[in-house]
Amino acid sequence: MQIEQDCYNILGIAASADTQEINHAYRKLAFQYHPDRNQNDPESSRKMQEINEAYSTLADAKNASLITYHSDITLLHRSSTPAVG
């Protein structure tokens, strides 16, 4: 959980951020720190890598939680549906 919290901090968003907020924060920071826009700043390349890693981690975590949620709902629905036959 600490890694995820660090990712939220890197992107400058709350831990309760949804997928849309994560995407928006990523795009804003990627635009700001992209190495093509900051060619004379070696720090921007490092920062961009950090932003990419944070975004990737959070996107995977959000997708995993959505998949788990939908799998749980499907299993719950199947177990509460009477068998036919």
N, C-alpha and C. Protein backbone atom coordinates (compact mmCIF):
# COMPACT_ATOMS: atom_id res chain seq x y z
N MET A 1 0.81 -1.20 0.00
CA MET A 1 0.00 0.00 0.00
C MET A 1 0.85 1.26 0.00
N GLN A 2 2.03 1.20 0.62
CA GLN A 2 2.90 2.36 0.67
C GLN A 2 3.34 2.78 -0.73
N ILE A 3 3.61 1.79 -1.58
CA ILE A 3 4.02 2.09 -2.95
C ILE A 3 2.91 2.84 -3.66
N GLU A 4 1.67 2.37 -3.52
CA GLU A 4 0.54 3.05 -4.16
C GLU A 4 0.41 4.47 -3.63
N GLN A 5 0.57 4.66 -2.32
CA GLN A 5 0.45 5.99 -1.74
C GLN A 5 1.50 6.92 -2.31
N ASP A 6 2.72 6.43 -2.48
CA ASP A 6 3.77 7.23 -3.10
C ASP A 6 3.38 7.62 -4.52
N CYS A 7 2.74 6.70 -5.23
CA CYS A 7 2.31 6.98 -6.61
C CYS A 7 1.28 8.10 -6.64
N TYR A 8 0.36 8.09 -5.70
CA TYR A 8 -0.63 9.16 -5.62
C TYR A 8 0.06 10.50 -5.36
N ASN A 9 1.04 10.47 -4.48
CA ASN A 9 1.79 11.70 -4.16
C ASN A 9 2.55 12.21 -5.38
N ILE A 10 3.17 11.32 -6.12
CA ILE A 10 3.92 11.71 -7.32
C ILE A 10 3.00 12.41 -8.31
N LEU A 11 1.79 11.85 -8.48
CA LEU A 11 0.84 12.44 -9.42
C LEU A 11 0.07 13.62 -8.83
N GLY A 12 0.24 13.84 -7.53
CA GLY A 12 -0.40 14.99 -6.89
C GLY A 12 -1.90 14.85 -6.74
N ILE A 13 -2.37 13.63 -6.48
CA ILE A 13 -3.80 13.38 -6.34
C ILE A 13 -4.08 12.64 -5.04
N ALA A 14 -5.35 12.66 -4.64
CA ALA A 14 -5.77 11.97 -3.42
C ALA A 14 -5.83 10.46 -3.67
N ALA A 15 -5.68 9.70 -2.60
CA ALA A 15 -5.75 8.24 -2.71
C ALA A 15 -7.13 7.77 -3.14
N SER A 16 -8.11 8.62 -3.00
CA SER A 16 -9.48 8.26 -3.39
C SER A 16 -9.76 8.59 -4.86
N ALA A 17 -8.75 9.03 -5.60
CA ALA A 17 -8.92 9.43 -7.00
C ALA A 17 -9.42 8.27 -7.84
N ASP A 18 -10.34 8.59 -8.74
CA ASP A 18 -10.84 7.57 -9.65
C ASP A 18 -9.95 7.53 -10.90
N THR A 19 -10.28 6.64 -11.80
CA THR A 19 -9.48 6.45 -13.01
C THR A 19 -9.38 7.73 -13.83
N GLN A 20 -10.47 8.45 -13.93
CA GLN A 20 -10.47 9.69 -14.71
C GLN A 20 -9.52 10.73 -14.11
N GLU A 21 -9.52 10.86 -12.79
CA GLU A 21 -8.63 11.81 -12.12
C GLU A 21 -7.16 11.40 -12.28
N ILE A 22 -6.90 10.10 -12.23
CA ILE A 22 -5.54 9.60 -12.42
C ILE A 22 -5.06 9.93 -13.83
N ASN A 23 -5.91 9.67 -14.82
CA ASN A 23 -5.55 9.96 -16.21
C ASN A 23 -5.30 11.45 -16.42
N HIS A 24 -6.15 12.29 -15.85
CA HIS A 24 -6.00 13.74 -16.01
C HIS A 24 -4.68 14.23 -15.40
N ALA A 25 -4.39 13.75 -14.19
CA ALA A 25 -3.15 14.16 -13.52
C ALA A 25 -1.93 13.70 -14.31
N TYR A 26 -2.00 12.49 -14.82
CA TYR A 26 -0.88 11.96 -15.61
C TYR A 26 -0.64 12.82 -16.85
N ARG A 27 -1.70 13.09 -17.59
CA ARG A 27 -1.55 13.88 -18.83
C ARG A 27 -0.98 15.27 -18.55
N LYS A 28 -1.46 15.88 -17.49
CA LYS A 28 -0.99 17.23 -17.13
C LYS A 28 0.51 17.22 -16.80
N LEU A 29 0.92 16.25 -15.99
CA LEU A 29 2.33 16.18 -15.61
C LEU A 29 3.21 15.73 -16.78
N ALA A 30 2.70 14.81 -17.59
CA ALA A 30 3.48 14.35 -18.75
C ALA A 30 3.73 15.51 -19.71
N PHE A 31 2.74 16.33 -19.90
CA PHE A 31 2.90 17.51 -20.75
C PHE A 31 3.93 18.47 -20.17
N GLN A 32 3.86 18.66 -18.85
CA GLN A 32 4.75 19.60 -18.18
C GLN A 32 6.21 19.12 -18.18
N TYR A 33 6.43 17.84 -17.93
CA TYR A 33 7.80 17.34 -17.74
C TYR A 33 8.36 16.56 -18.92
N HIS A 34 7.63 16.49 -20.02
CA HIS A 34 8.11 15.71 -21.16
C HIS A 34 9.48 16.20 -21.60
N PRO A 35 10.43 15.29 -21.81
CA PRO A 35 11.79 15.68 -22.19
C PRO A 35 11.88 16.51 -23.48
N ASP A 36 10.97 16.30 -24.40
CA ASP A 36 10.98 17.10 -25.63
C ASP A 36 10.69 18.58 -25.34
N ARG A 37 9.93 18.83 -24.30
CA ARG A 37 9.61 20.22 -23.92
C ARG A 37 10.68 20.81 -23.02
N ASN A 38 11.53 19.96 -22.45
CA ASN A 38 12.56 20.40 -21.50
C ASN A 38 13.92 19.82 -21.88
N GLN A 39 14.36 20.11 -23.08
CA GLN A 39 15.57 19.48 -23.60
C GLN A 39 16.83 19.83 -22.83
N ASN A 40 16.87 20.96 -22.20
CA ASN A 40 18.06 21.38 -21.47
C ASN A 40 17.98 21.07 -19.98
N ASP A 41 17.01 20.28 -19.59
CA ASP A 41 16.81 19.96 -18.17
C ASP A 41 16.88 18.44 -17.98
N PRO A 42 18.03 17.93 -17.54
CA PRO A 42 18.15 16.48 -17.34
C PRO A 42 17.22 15.94 -16.25
N GLU A 43 16.82 16.80 -15.34
CA GLU A 43 15.92 16.39 -14.26
C GLU A 43 14.53 16.02 -14.80
N SER A 44 14.12 16.65 -15.89
CA SER A 44 12.79 16.38 -16.44
C SER A 44 12.67 14.94 -16.94
N SER A 45 13.75 14.39 -17.46
CA SER A 45 13.73 13.00 -17.92
C SER A 45 13.52 12.05 -16.75
N ARG A 46 14.21 12.31 -15.64
CA ARG A 46 14.04 11.48 -14.44
C ARG A 46 12.63 11.61 -13.89
N LYS A 47 12.14 12.84 -13.86
CA LYS A 47 10.79 13.10 -13.35
C LYS A 47 9.74 12.41 -14.23
N MET A 48 9.94 12.45 -15.54
CA MET A 48 9.00 11.81 -16.46
C MET A 48 8.96 10.31 -16.25
N GLN A 49 10.11 9.71 -16.00
CA GLN A 49 10.16 8.27 -15.73
C GLN A 49 9.40 7.95 -14.44
N GLU A 50 9.57 8.78 -13.44
CA GLU A 50 8.88 8.60 -12.17
C GLU A 50 7.35 8.72 -12.37
N ILE A 51 6.93 9.69 -13.14
CA ILE A 51 5.51 9.89 -13.44
C ILE A 51 4.95 8.68 -14.19
N ASN A 52 5.68 8.19 -15.18
CA ASN A 52 5.24 7.02 -15.94
C ASN A 52 5.08 5.79 -15.05
N GLU A 53 6.04 5.57 -14.16
CA GLU A 53 5.98 4.41 -13.27
C GLU A 53 4.80 4.53 -12.30
N ALA A 54 4.57 5.73 -11.78
CA ALA A 54 3.45 5.94 -10.86
C ALA A 54 2.13 5.70 -11.58
N TYR A 55 2.00 6.24 -12.76
CA TYR A 55 0.77 6.07 -13.54
C TYR A 55 0.54 4.59 -13.86
N SER A 56 1.57 3.92 -14.29
CA SER A 56 1.45 2.51 -14.64
C SER A 56 1.02 1.68 -13.42
N THR A 57 1.61 1.95 -12.28
CA THR A 57 1.27 1.23 -11.05
C THR A 57 -0.18 1.46 -10.67
N LEU A 58 -0.61 2.72 -10.69
CA LEU A 58 -1.99 3.03 -10.30
C LEU A 58 -2.99 2.51 -11.31
N ALA A 59 -2.67 2.61 -12.58
CA ALA A 59 -3.59 2.12 -13.61
C ALA A 59 -3.76 0.61 -13.46
N ASP A 60 -2.67 -0.11 -13.21
CA ASP A 60 -2.76 -1.55 -13.02
C ASP A 60 -3.55 -1.89 -11.76
N ALA A 61 -3.32 -1.13 -10.69
CA ALA A 61 -4.03 -1.38 -9.44
C ALA A 61 -5.52 -1.10 -9.59
N LYS A 62 -5.88 0.00 -10.26
CA LYS A 62 -7.29 0.32 -10.47
C LYS A 62 -7.95 -0.74 -11.35
N ASN A 63 -7.26 -1.16 -12.40
CA ASN A 63 -7.82 -2.19 -13.27
C ASN A 63 -7.98 -3.51 -12.53
N ALA A 64 -7.00 -3.85 -11.70
CA ALA A 64 -7.08 -5.08 -10.93
C ALA A 64 -8.24 -5.03 -9.95
N SER A 65 -8.45 -3.89 -9.32
CA SER A 65 -9.57 -3.79 -8.37
C SER A 65 -10.90 -3.83 -9.09
N LEU A 66 -10.99 -3.24 -10.28
CA LEU A 66 -12.23 -3.32 -11.06
C LEU A 66 -12.51 -4.74 -11.51
N ILE A 67 -11.47 -5.44 -11.95
CA ILE A 67 -11.63 -6.83 -12.37
C ILE A 67 -12.08 -7.67 -11.19
N THR A 68 -11.46 -7.49 -10.03
CA THR A 68 -11.84 -8.23 -8.84
C THR A 68 -13.28 -7.93 -8.45
N TYR A 69 -13.65 -6.65 -8.48
CA TYR A 69 -15.01 -6.24 -8.13
C TYR A 69 -16.02 -6.91 -9.05
N HIS A 70 -15.78 -6.85 -10.36
CA HIS A 70 -16.72 -7.44 -11.31
C HIS A 70 -16.74 -8.97 -11.19
N SER A 71 -15.61 -9.57 -10.89
CA SER A 71 -15.58 -11.02 -10.68
C SER A 71 -16.38 -11.40 -9.45
N ASP A 72 -16.25 -10.62 -8.39
CA ASP A 72 -17.01 -10.88 -7.17
C ASP A 72 -18.50 -10.75 -7.41
N ILE A 73 -18.91 -9.73 -8.16
CA ILE A 73 -20.33 -9.53 -8.47
C ILE A 73 -20.85 -10.71 -9.29
N THR A 74 -20.06 -11.15 -10.26
CA THR A 74 -20.47 -12.27 -11.11
C THR A 74 -20.62 -13.54 -10.27
N LEU A 75 -19.66 -13.80 -9.39
CA LEU A 75 -19.74 -14.99 -8.53
C LEU A 75 -20.94 -14.90 -7.60
N LEU A 76 -21.18 -13.73 -7.05
CA LEU A 76 -22.32 -13.54 -6.16
C LEU A 76 -23.62 -13.78 -6.91
N HIS A 77 -23.72 -13.25 -8.11
CA HIS A 77 -24.91 -13.43 -8.92
C HIS A 77 -25.12 -14.89 -9.26
N ARG A 78 -24.07 -15.58 -9.62
CA ARG A 78 -24.18 -17.01 -9.97
C ARG A 78 -24.60 -17.84 -8.78
N SER A 79 -24.10 -17.51 -7.61
CA SER A 79 -24.41 -18.31 -6.43
C SER A 79 -25.82 -18.05 -5.93
N SER A 80 -26.40 -16.89 -6.26
CA SER A 80 -27.76 -16.59 -5.80
C SER A 80 -28.82 -16.90 -6.84
N THR A 81 -28.41 -17.33 -8.03
CA THR A 81 -29.35 -17.68 -9.09
C THR A 81 -29.72 -19.15 -8.95
N PRO A 82 -31.02 -19.46 -8.85
CA PRO A 82 -31.41 -20.86 -8.70
C PRO A 82 -31.06 -21.67 -9.94
N ALA A 83 -30.69 -22.91 -9.71
CA ALA A 83 -30.35 -23.80 -10.82
C ALA A 83 -31.62 -24.17 -11.58
N VAL A 84 -31.47 -24.25 -12.87
CA VAL A 84 -32.60 -24.61 -13.72
C VAL A 84 -32.44 -26.06 -14.14
N GLY A 85 -33.52 -26.80 -14.06
CA GLY A 85 -33.44 -28.14 -14.59
C GLY A 85 -33.85 -29.15 -13.69
